[in-house]
Amino acid sequence: MIATTRIGAFTALAAGAADAPLVLVLHGFPDVPHTFAPLIEALARAGHRVVAPWLRGYAPSPAAGPFDVDTLAADVLAWADALSPDRPVAIVGHDWGAVVTYVACARAPARFRAAVAMSVPHPAVFVRALATPAQLARSWYMLAFQLPGAPGLAAAGQFALIDRLWRAWSPGYQLPAALRHELHATLAASWPAPLLYYRAMTRPVGAAVARLRRRDRIAVPTLYLHGAIDGCIGANVGAGAERFFGGGYRREVVPGVGHFLAAEAPAAIAARVLAWLAAHP
């Protein structure tokens, strides 16, 4: 059974026995932990303790930044230390949660036994893809979010742009009404913090350049999952990321699903995640 819990100042969904091996589940943009309920339940049934926090900037977790990836990764490491001080944990991250997963695993590989990243490949590979016209066109919103009026435009019409992104990124999938209501309520209580993740990518300039120059090799065994019909990031973008992983890496393109693959195909994604965790106890 999924319940709400606290990790210091942060709020999270949680399931599973308190003394079971810990799995952290990190959502992305524009998303909330409730979207991952089927995955949380499947992992808990398989004998894991699962904790899925609202990330920094997403109510009811703290709204205050900064929202750079190093700060977000520090949040994850603090959660791991608080919840599993004596054992390495597993981590599953989607979208921005995937980016944070890469950074946290690179910073403190001993804290993690296994990782699963979904929908956003290693940052160095993604940045390279941004130089191609196809991916640049898909990523128009990242550029638009840098503009001064972006927060108001993105929230207009009861977050009509957010609904548009869900439709475009996961073609043919319709977010259930209850989850859409949960998402909109979270965004309304949090705005514009979720959008500020994108501004933190480029500000301050010196720190942004330094992050782009980093080529961290990740020692944690990592499974990468990407939807074959993802409208946000092309399924081919993740090819060639192997050189950034030194502890074992596998990339799988999941047929028939888009960007929000854990919501679209919960059973298929849970099976892949559980198999990877079982292979890396």
C-alpha atoms as a PDB file:
ATOM      1  CA  MET A   1       0.000   0.000   0.000  1.00  0.00           C
ATOM      2  CA  ILE A   2       1.358   3.419  -0.963  1.00  0.00           C
ATOM      3  CA  ALA A   3       1.498   6.045   1.784  1.00  0.00           C
ATOM      4  CA  THR A   4       2.854   9.580   2.112  1.00  0.00           C
ATOM      5  CA  THR A   5       5.994  10.046   4.173  1.00  0.00           C
ATOM      6  CA  ARG A   6       8.573  12.708   4.995  1.00  0.00           C
ATOM      7  CA  ILE A   7      12.331  12.771   4.453  1.00  0.00           C
ATOM      8  CA  GLY A   8      13.398  15.824   6.358  1.00  0.00           C
ATOM      9  CA  ALA A   9      11.792  18.784   4.584  1.00  0.00           C
ATOM     10  CA  PHE A  10      10.773  16.674   1.579  1.00  0.00           C
ATOM     11  CA  THR A  11       7.548  14.754   0.989  1.00  0.00           C
ATOM     12  CA  ALA A  12       7.449  11.378  -0.759  1.00  0.00           C
ATOM     13  CA  LEU A  13       5.266   8.444  -1.656  1.00  0.00           C
ATOM     14  CA  ALA A  14       6.466   5.219  -0.057  1.00  0.00           C
ATOM     15  CA  ALA A  15       5.631   1.515  -0.055  1.00  0.00           C
ATOM     16  CA  GLY A  16       7.196  -1.714   1.167  1.00  0.00           C
ATOM     17  CA  ALA A  17       8.723  -2.909   4.410  1.00  0.00           C
ATOM     18  CA  ALA A  18      10.850  -0.339   6.207  1.00  0.00           C
ATOM     19  CA  ASP A  19      13.811  -2.741   6.482  1.00  0.00           C
ATOM     20  CA  ALA A  20      13.709  -3.889   2.844  1.00  0.00           C
ATOM     21  CA  PRO A  21      16.367  -2.827   0.293  1.00  0.00           C
ATOM     22  CA  LEU A  22      15.688   0.765  -0.732  1.00  0.00           C
ATOM     23  CA  VAL A  23      14.788   1.965  -4.207  1.00  0.00           C
ATOM     24  CA  LEU A  24      14.517   5.721  -4.826  1.00  0.00           C
ATOM     25  CA  VAL A  25      12.205   6.716  -7.698  1.00  0.00           C
ATOM     26  CA  LEU A  26      12.706  10.202  -9.171  1.00  0.00           C
ATOM     27  CA  HIS A  27      10.144  11.892 -11.406  1.00  0.00           C
ATOM     28  CA  GLY A  28      10.860  14.462 -14.090  1.00  0.00           C
ATOM     29  CA  PHE A  29       9.124  17.366 -15.839  1.00  0.00           C
ATOM     30  CA  PRO A  30       6.221  17.898 -16.017  1.00  0.00           C
ATOM     31  CA  ASP A  31       5.358  15.059 -13.681  1.00  0.00           C
ATOM     32  CA  VAL A  32       4.568  13.921 -10.135  1.00  0.00           C
ATOM     33  CA  PRO A  33       5.322  10.765  -8.100  1.00  0.00           C
ATOM     34  CA  HIS A  34       1.724   9.514  -8.473  1.00  0.00           C
ATOM     35  CA  THR A  35       2.414   8.728 -12.141  1.00  0.00           C
ATOM     36  CA  PHE A  36       4.780   6.000 -10.943  1.00  0.00           C
ATOM     37  CA  ALA A  37       2.303   4.328  -8.575  1.00  0.00           C
ATOM     38  CA  PRO A  38       2.136   1.046 -10.579  1.00  0.00           C
ATOM     39  CA  LEU A  39       5.937   0.828 -10.624  1.00  0.00           C
ATOM     40  CA  ILE A  40       6.145   1.666  -6.915  1.00  0.00           C
ATOM     41  CA  GLU A  41       3.630  -1.054  -6.100  1.00  0.00           C
ATOM     42  CA  ALA A  42       5.366  -3.642  -8.294  1.00  0.00           C
ATOM     43  CA  LEU A  43       8.745  -2.953  -6.701  1.00  0.00           C
ATOM     44  CA  ALA A  44       7.238  -3.134  -3.206  1.00  0.00           C
ATOM     45  CA  ARG A  45       5.538  -6.461  -3.971  1.00  0.00           C
ATOM     46  CA  ALA A  46       8.909  -7.805  -5.090  1.00  0.00           C
ATOM     47  CA  GLY A  47      10.420  -7.068  -1.689  1.00  0.00           C
ATOM     48  CA  HIS A  48      11.788  -3.536  -1.980  1.00  0.00           C
ATOM     49  CA  ARG A  49      11.247  -0.425   0.101  1.00  0.00           C
ATOM     50  CA  VAL A  50      10.306   2.229  -2.472  1.00  0.00           C
ATOM     51  CA  VAL A  51      10.432   5.971  -1.840  1.00  0.00           C
ATOM     52  CA  ALA A  52       9.413   8.457  -4.544  1.00  0.00           C
ATOM     53  CA  PRO A  53       9.935  12.073  -3.449  1.00  0.00           C
ATOM     54  CA  TRP A  54       8.499  15.218  -4.930  1.00  0.00           C
ATOM     55  CA  LEU A  55      11.723  16.795  -6.179  1.00  0.00           C
ATOM     56  CA  ARG A  56      12.909  20.192  -5.033  1.00  0.00           C
ATOM     57  CA  GLY A  57      10.610  22.835  -6.474  1.00  0.00           C
ATOM     58  CA  TYR A  58       7.569  20.545  -6.586  1.00  0.00           C
ATOM     59  CA  ALA A  59       5.017  21.072  -3.813  1.00  0.00           C
ATOM     60  CA  PRO A  60       4.677  19.750  -1.160  1.00  0.00           C
ATOM     61  CA  SER A  61       8.501  19.478  -1.141  1.00  0.00           C
ATOM     62  CA  PRO A  62      10.522  22.696  -0.642  1.00  0.00           C
ATOM     63  CA  ALA A  63       9.968  25.305  -3.335  1.00  0.00           C
ATOM     64  CA  ALA A  64      13.312  27.048  -2.842  1.00  0.00           C
ATOM     65  CA  GLY A  65      16.215  26.543  -5.215  1.00  0.00           C
ATOM     66  CA  PRO A  66      18.823  26.476  -6.468  1.00  0.00           C
ATOM     67  CA  PHE A  67      17.772  23.987  -9.154  1.00  0.00           C
ATOM     68  CA  ASP A  68      21.132  23.055 -10.685  1.00  0.00           C
ATOM     69  CA  VAL A  69      21.829  19.342 -11.045  1.00  0.00           C
ATOM     70  CA  ASP A  70      24.500  19.321  -8.350  1.00  0.00           C
ATOM     71  CA  THR A  71      22.026  20.634  -5.768  1.00  0.00           C
ATOM     72  CA  LEU A  72      19.409  18.122  -6.899  1.00  0.00           C
ATOM     73  CA  ALA A  73      21.930  15.279  -6.706  1.00  0.00           C
ATOM     74  CA  ALA A  74      22.906  16.413  -3.210  1.00  0.00           C
ATOM     75  CA  ASP A  75      19.227  16.061  -2.231  1.00  0.00           C
ATOM     76  CA  VAL A  76      19.265  12.466  -3.491  1.00  0.00           C
ATOM     77  CA  LEU A  77      22.438  11.602  -1.590  1.00  0.00           C
ATOM     78  CA  ALA A  78      20.938  13.079   1.584  1.00  0.00           C
ATOM     79  CA  TRP A  79      17.833  10.897   1.125  1.00  0.00           C
ATOM     80  CA  ALA A  80      19.995   7.811   0.631  1.00  0.00           C
ATOM     81  CA  ASP A  81      21.984   8.595   3.772  1.00  0.00           C
ATOM     82  CA  ALA A  82      18.838   9.216   5.818  1.00  0.00           C
ATOM     83  CA  LEU A  83      16.892   6.168   4.651  1.00  0.00           C
ATOM     84  CA  SER A  84      19.637   3.590   4.109  1.00  0.00           C
ATOM     85  CA  PRO A  85      22.784   4.673   5.946  1.00  0.00           C
ATOM     86  CA  ASP A  86      24.362   1.207   6.006  1.00  0.00           C
ATOM     87  CA  ARG A  87      23.434  -0.241   2.597  1.00  0.00           C
ATOM     88  CA  PRO A  88      23.768   0.966  -0.987  1.00  0.00           C
ATOM     89  CA  VAL A  89      20.456   1.817  -2.623  1.00  0.00           C
ATOM     90  CA  ALA A  90      18.966   1.399  -6.072  1.00  0.00           C
ATOM     91  CA  ILE A  91      17.738   4.409  -8.004  1.00  0.00           C
ATOM     92  CA  VAL A  92      15.229   4.822 -10.836  1.00  0.00           C
ATOM     93  CA  GLY A  93      15.022   8.217 -12.533  1.00  0.00           C
ATOM     94  CA  HIS A  94      12.842   9.519 -15.352  1.00  0.00           C
ATOM     95  CA  ASP A  95      13.453  12.673 -17.437  1.00  0.00           C
ATOM     96  CA  TRP A  96      15.032  15.216 -15.051  1.00  0.00           C
ATOM     97  CA  GLY A  97      15.105  12.382 -12.533  1.00  0.00           C
ATOM     98  CA  ALA A  98      17.337  10.512 -14.986  1.00  0.00           C
ATOM     99  CA  VAL A  99      19.726  13.472 -15.247  1.00  0.00           C
ATOM    100  CA  VAL A 100      19.908  13.696 -11.467  1.00  0.00           C
ATOM    101  CA  THR A 101      20.482   9.932 -11.318  1.00  0.00           C
ATOM    102  CA  TYR A 102      23.535  10.213 -13.569  1.00  0.00           C
ATOM    103  CA  VAL A 103      25.019  13.020 -11.491  1.00  0.00           C
ATOM    104  CA  ALA A 104      24.364  11.357  -8.123  1.00  0.00           C
ATOM    105  CA  CYS A 105      25.832   8.043  -9.312  1.00  0.00           C
ATOM    106  CA  ALA A 106      28.924   9.808 -10.670  1.00  0.00           C
ATOM    107  CA  ARG A 107      29.420  11.744  -7.427  1.00  0.00           C
ATOM    108  CA  ALA A 108      28.955   8.874  -4.975  1.00  0.00           C
ATOM    109  CA  PRO A 109      29.044   5.487  -6.733  1.00  0.00           C
ATOM    110  CA  ALA A 110      29.416   3.608  -3.450  1.00  0.00           C
ATOM    111  CA  ARG A 111      25.943   4.750  -2.392  1.00  0.00           C
ATOM    112  CA  PHE A 112      24.220   2.960  -5.295  1.00  0.00           C
ATOM    113  CA  ARG A 113      24.061  -0.722  -6.215  1.00  0.00           C
ATOM    114  CA  ALA A 114      22.135  -0.248  -9.456  1.00  0.00           C
ATOM    115  CA  ALA A 115      20.473   2.485 -11.504  1.00  0.00           C
ATOM    116  CA  VAL A 116      17.714   2.702 -14.083  1.00  0.00           C
ATOM    117  CA  ALA A 117      17.423   5.864 -16.189  1.00  0.00           C
ATOM    118  CA  MET A 118      14.481   6.542 -18.469  1.00  0.00           C
ATOM    119  CA  SER A 119      13.820   8.865 -21.414  1.00  0.00           C
ATOM    120  CA  VAL A 120      16.877  11.143 -21.133  1.00  0.00           C
ATOM    121  CA  PRO A 121      20.271   9.682 -22.072  1.00  0.00           C
ATOM    122  CA  HIS A 122      23.600  10.663 -20.551  1.00  0.00           C
ATOM    123  CA  PRO A 123      23.842  14.497 -20.675  1.00  0.00           C
ATOM    124  CA  ALA A 124      26.945  14.502 -22.883  1.00  0.00           C
ATOM    125  CA  VAL A 125      25.103  12.435 -25.497  1.00  0.00           C
ATOM    126  CA  PHE A 126      22.004  14.588 -25.304  1.00  0.00           C
ATOM    127  CA  VAL A 127      23.946  17.854 -25.660  1.00  0.00           C
ATOM    128  CA  ARG A 128      25.609  16.454 -28.767  1.00  0.00           C
ATOM    129  CA  ALA A 129      22.178  15.580 -30.182  1.00  0.00           C
ATOM    130  CA  LEU A 130      20.990  19.163 -29.677  1.00  0.00           C
ATOM    131  CA  ALA A 131      23.256  20.153 -32.545  1.00  0.00           C
ATOM    132  CA  THR A 132      21.054  18.177 -34.950  1.00  0.00           C
ATOM    133  CA  PRO A 133      18.018  19.891 -36.515  1.00  0.00           C
ATOM    134  CA  ALA A 134      15.663  17.045 -35.573  1.00  0.00           C
ATOM    135  CA  GLN A 135      16.414  17.100 -31.848  1.00  0.00           C
ATOM    136  CA  LEU A 136      16.665  20.885 -31.721  1.00  0.00           C
ATOM    137  CA  ALA A 137      13.133  21.053 -33.114  1.00  0.00           C
ATOM    138  CA  ARG A 138      11.902  18.607 -30.472  1.00  0.00           C
ATOM    139  CA  SER A 139      13.605  20.613 -27.733  1.00  0.00           C
ATOM    140  CA  TRP A 140      12.084  23.992 -28.662  1.00  0.00           C
ATOM    141  CA  TYR A 141      10.497  24.291 -25.219  1.00  0.00           C
ATOM    142  CA  MET A 142      13.920  24.294 -23.526  1.00  0.00           C
ATOM    143  CA  LEU A 143      14.821  27.419 -25.459  1.00  0.00           C
ATOM    144  CA  ALA A 144      11.383  28.972 -24.936  1.00  0.00           C
ATOM    145  CA  PHE A 145      11.669  28.516 -21.171  1.00  0.00           C
ATOM    146  CA  GLN A 146      14.650  30.877 -21.162  1.00  0.00           C
ATOM    147  CA  LEU A 147      12.448  33.816 -22.216  1.00  0.00           C
ATOM    148  CA  PRO A 148      11.261  36.341 -19.582  1.00  0.00           C
ATOM    149  CA  GLY A 149       7.543  35.693 -20.161  1.00  0.00           C
ATOM    150  CA  ALA A 150       7.816  31.906 -20.261  1.00  0.00           C
ATOM    151  CA  PRO A 151       6.360  31.168 -16.796  1.00  0.00           C
ATOM    152  CA  GLY A 152       3.137  33.016 -17.556  1.00  0.00           C
ATOM    153  CA  LEU A 153       2.767  31.533 -21.024  1.00  0.00           C
ATOM    154  CA  ALA A 154       3.388  27.976 -19.819  1.00  0.00           C
ATOM    155  CA  ALA A 155       0.800  28.320 -17.039  1.00  0.00           C
ATOM    156  CA  ALA A 156      -1.835  30.002 -19.209  1.00  0.00           C
ATOM    157  CA  GLY A 157      -5.158  28.297 -19.871  1.00  0.00           C
ATOM    158  CA  GLN A 158      -4.791  26.024 -16.838  1.00  0.00           C
ATOM    159  CA  PHE A 159      -1.428  24.720 -18.009  1.00  0.00           C
ATOM    160  CA  ALA A 160      -2.592  24.076 -21.559  1.00  0.00           C
ATOM    161  CA  LEU A 161       1.038  23.957 -22.722  1.00  0.00           C
ATOM    162  CA  ILE A 162       1.805  21.222 -20.200  1.00  0.00           C
ATOM    163  CA  ASP A 163      -1.107  19.150 -21.527  1.00  0.00           C
ATOM    164  CA  ARG A 164       0.203  19.749 -25.051  1.00  0.00           C
ATOM    165  CA  LEU A 165       3.648  18.469 -24.071  1.00  0.00           C
ATOM    166  CA  TRP A 166       2.175  15.278 -22.620  1.00  0.00           C
ATOM    167  CA  ARG A 167       0.227  14.655 -25.842  1.00  0.00           C
ATOM    168  CA  ALA A 168       3.212  15.377 -28.082  1.00  0.00           C
ATOM    169  CA  TRP A 169       5.731  13.420 -26.035  1.00  0.00           C
ATOM    170  CA  SER A 170       3.551  10.328 -25.565  1.00  0.00           C
ATOM    171  CA  PRO A 171       1.540  10.063 -28.808  1.00  0.00           C
ATOM    172  CA  GLY A 172      -1.743   8.249 -28.397  1.00  0.00           C
ATOM    173  CA  TYR A 173      -1.596   8.210 -24.598  1.00  0.00           C
ATOM    174  CA  GLN A 174      -4.112  10.127 -22.515  1.00  0.00           C
ATOM    175  CA  LEU A 175      -3.206  10.941 -18.928  1.00  0.00           C
ATOM    176  CA  PRO A 176      -6.074   9.722 -16.699  1.00  0.00           C
ATOM    177  CA  ALA A 177      -8.218  12.528 -15.270  1.00  0.00           C
ATOM    178  CA  ALA A 178      -7.180  11.894 -11.662  1.00  0.00           C
ATOM    179  CA  LEU A 179      -3.472  12.024 -12.522  1.00  0.00           C
ATOM    180  CA  ARG A 180      -3.950  15.102 -14.681  1.00  0.00           C
ATOM    181  CA  HIS A 181      -5.711  16.809 -11.764  1.00  0.00           C
ATOM    182  CA  GLU A 182      -2.847  15.819  -9.422  1.00  0.00           C
ATOM    183  CA  LEU A 183      -0.284  17.136 -11.898  1.00  0.00           C
ATOM    184  CA  HIS A 184      -2.061  20.460 -12.405  1.00  0.00           C
ATOM    185  CA  ALA A 185      -2.535  20.935  -8.653  1.00  0.00           C
ATOM    186  CA  THR A 186       1.161  20.312  -8.022  1.00  0.00           C
ATOM    187  CA  LEU A 187       2.231  22.689 -10.783  1.00  0.00           C
ATOM    188  CA  ALA A 188      -0.158  25.398  -9.579  1.00  0.00           C
ATOM    189  CA  ALA A 189       1.263  25.134  -6.055  1.00  0.00           C
ATOM    190  CA  SER A 190       4.858  25.049  -7.298  1.00  0.00           C
ATOM    191  CA  TRP A 191       5.018  27.396 -10.286  1.00  0.00           C
ATOM    192  CA  PRO A 192       7.372  28.625 -11.651  1.00  0.00           C
ATOM    193  CA  ALA A 193       9.937  26.433  -9.838  1.00  0.00           C
ATOM    194  CA  PRO A 194       9.595  23.378 -12.152  1.00  0.00           C
ATOM    195  CA  LEU A 195      10.369  25.568 -15.157  1.00  0.00           C
ATOM    196  CA  LEU A 196      13.460  26.990 -13.409  1.00  0.00           C
ATOM    197  CA  TYR A 197      15.273  23.675 -13.831  1.00  0.00           C
ATOM    198  CA  TYR A 198      15.731  24.690 -17.471  1.00  0.00           C
ATOM    199  CA  ARG A 199      17.039  28.126 -16.612  1.00  0.00           C
ATOM    200  CA  ALA A 200      19.527  26.591 -14.186  1.00  0.00           C
ATOM    201  CA  MET A 201      20.981  24.696 -17.172  1.00  0.00           C
ATOM    202  CA  THR A 202      22.400  27.936 -18.565  1.00  0.00           C
ATOM    203  CA  ARG A 203      22.815  30.140 -15.474  1.00  0.00           C
ATOM    204  CA  PRO A 204      25.276  31.227 -14.256  1.00  0.00           C
ATOM    205  CA  VAL A 205      27.159  30.887 -17.504  1.00  0.00           C
ATOM    206  CA  GLY A 206      30.485  29.881 -15.966  1.00  0.00           C
ATOM    207  CA  ALA A 207      28.958  27.039 -13.975  1.00  0.00           C
ATOM    208  CA  ALA A 208      26.906  25.905 -16.983  1.00  0.00           C
ATOM    209  CA  VAL A 209      30.019  25.703 -19.165  1.00  0.00           C
ATOM    210  CA  ALA A 210      31.863  23.771 -16.453  1.00  0.00           C
ATOM    211  CA  ARG A 211      29.011  21.250 -16.249  1.00  0.00           C
ATOM    212  CA  LEU A 212      29.062  20.761 -20.019  1.00  0.00           C
ATOM    213  CA  ARG A 213      32.797  20.062 -19.927  1.00  0.00           C
ATOM    214  CA  ARG A 214      32.461  17.333 -17.308  1.00  0.00           C
ATOM    215  CA  ARG A 215      32.732  13.810 -18.648  1.00  0.00           C
ATOM    216  CA  ASP A 216      31.946  11.773 -15.559  1.00  0.00           C
ATOM    217  CA  ARG A 217      32.237   8.016 -16.093  1.00  0.00           C
ATOM    218  CA  ILE A 218      29.563   6.231 -14.091  1.00  0.00           C
ATOM    219  CA  ALA A 219      30.639   3.111 -12.176  1.00  0.00           C
ATOM    220  CA  VAL A 220      27.123   2.104 -11.108  1.00  0.00           C
ATOM    221  CA  PRO A 221      25.472  -0.619 -13.252  1.00  0.00           C
ATOM    222  CA  THR A 222      22.925   1.307 -15.325  1.00  0.00           C
ATOM    223  CA  LEU A 223      19.939   0.259 -17.434  1.00  0.00           C
ATOM    224  CA  TYR A 224      18.672   2.879 -19.876  1.00  0.00           C
ATOM    225  CA  LEU A 225      15.074   2.659 -21.149  1.00  0.00           C
ATOM    226  CA  HIS A 226      13.639   4.803 -23.944  1.00  0.00           C
ATOM    227  CA  GLY A 227      10.248   4.759 -25.648  1.00  0.00           C
ATOM    228  CA  ALA A 228      10.347   3.969 -29.358  1.00  0.00           C
ATOM    229  CA  ILE A 229       7.837   6.728 -30.203  1.00  0.00           C
ATOM    230  CA  ASP A 230       9.103   9.344 -27.742  1.00  0.00           C
ATOM    231  CA  GLY A 231       8.138  12.784 -29.060  1.00  0.00           C
ATOM    232  CA  CYS A 232      10.480  14.634 -26.722  1.00  0.00           C
ATOM    233  CA  ILE A 233      13.811  12.944 -27.414  1.00  0.00           C
ATOM    234  CA  GLY A 234      14.407  10.739 -30.417  1.00  0.00           C
ATOM    235  CA  ALA A 235      14.863   7.052 -29.621  1.00  0.00           C
ATOM    236  CA  ASN A 236      18.195   7.046 -31.469  1.00  0.00           C
ATOM    237  CA  VAL A 237      19.675   9.825 -29.342  1.00  0.00           C
ATOM    238  CA  GLY A 238      20.855   7.454 -26.607  1.00  0.00           C
ATOM    239  CA  ALA A 239      23.035   5.425 -28.979  1.00  0.00           C
ATOM    240  CA  GLY A 240      26.734   5.636 -28.191  1.00  0.00           C
ATOM    241  CA  ALA A 241      26.436   6.412 -24.485  1.00  0.00           C
ATOM    242  CA  GLU A 242      28.300   3.266 -23.460  1.00  0.00           C
ATOM    243  CA  ARG A 243      31.619   5.064 -23.155  1.00  0.00           C
ATOM    244  CA  PHE A 244      30.308   7.072 -20.200  1.00  0.00           C
ATOM    245  CA  PHE A 245      29.600   3.956 -18.113  1.00  0.00           C
ATOM    246  CA  GLY A 246      32.205   1.747 -16.503  1.00  0.00           C
ATOM    247  CA  GLY A 247      30.129  -0.479 -14.244  1.00  0.00           C
ATOM    248  CA  GLY A 248      27.884  -2.166 -16.777  1.00  0.00           C
ATOM    249  CA  TYR A 249      25.376  -0.567 -19.106  1.00  0.00           C
ATOM    250  CA  ARG A 250      22.442  -1.699 -21.215  1.00  0.00           C
ATOM    251  CA  ARG A 251      20.166   0.351 -23.442  1.00  0.00           C
ATOM    252  CA  GLU A 252      16.690  -0.868 -24.366  1.00  0.00           C
ATOM    253  CA  VAL A 253      14.213   0.850 -26.688  1.00  0.00           C
ATOM    254  CA  VAL A 254      10.710  -0.127 -25.594  1.00  0.00           C
ATOM    255  CA  PRO A 255       8.322  -0.547 -28.554  1.00  0.00           C
ATOM    256  CA  GLY A 256       4.995   1.245 -28.775  1.00  0.00           C
ATOM    257  CA  VAL A 257       5.513   3.785 -25.986  1.00  0.00           C
ATOM    258  CA  GLY A 258       6.543   7.413 -25.782  1.00  0.00           C
ATOM    259  CA  HIS A 259       8.270   9.639 -23.262  1.00  0.00           C
ATOM    260  CA  PHE A 260       6.212   8.793 -20.174  1.00  0.00           C
ATOM    261  CA  LEU A 261       6.830   5.086 -20.588  1.00  0.00           C
ATOM    262  CA  ALA A 262       6.276   4.091 -16.940  1.00  0.00           C
ATOM    263  CA  ALA A 263       2.745   5.491 -17.146  1.00  0.00           C
ATOM    264  CA  GLU A 264       2.048   4.082 -20.603  1.00  0.00           C
ATOM    265  CA  ALA A 265       3.347   0.532 -20.092  1.00  0.00           C
ATOM    266  CA  PRO A 266       3.670   0.006 -16.337  1.00  0.00           C
ATOM    267  CA  ALA A 267       3.870  -3.797 -16.427  1.00  0.00           C
ATOM    268  CA  ALA A 268       6.543  -3.878 -19.134  1.00  0.00           C
ATOM    269  CA  ILE A 269       8.643  -1.224 -17.429  1.00  0.00           C
ATOM    270  CA  ALA A 270       8.303  -2.823 -13.999  1.00  0.00           C
ATOM    271  CA  ALA A 271       9.456  -6.165 -15.424  1.00  0.00           C
ATOM    272  CA  ARG A 272      12.562  -4.576 -16.934  1.00  0.00           C
ATOM    273  CA  VAL A 273      13.399  -2.641 -13.758  1.00  0.00           C
ATOM    274  CA  LEU A 274      12.910  -5.690 -11.526  1.00  0.00           C
ATOM    275  CA  ALA A 275      15.088  -7.854 -13.765  1.00  0.00           C
ATOM    276  CA  TRP A 276      17.892  -5.284 -13.645  1.00  0.00           C
ATOM    277  CA  LEU A 277      17.705  -4.948  -9.862  1.00  0.00           C
ATOM    278  CA  ALA A 278      17.647  -8.727  -9.454  1.00  0.00           C
ATOM    279  CA  ALA A 279      20.801  -8.968 -11.563  1.00  0.00           C
ATOM    280  CA  HIS A 280      22.539  -6.415  -9.303  1.00  0.00           C
ATOM    281  CA  PRO A 281      21.592  -7.300  -5.713  1.00  0.00           C
END
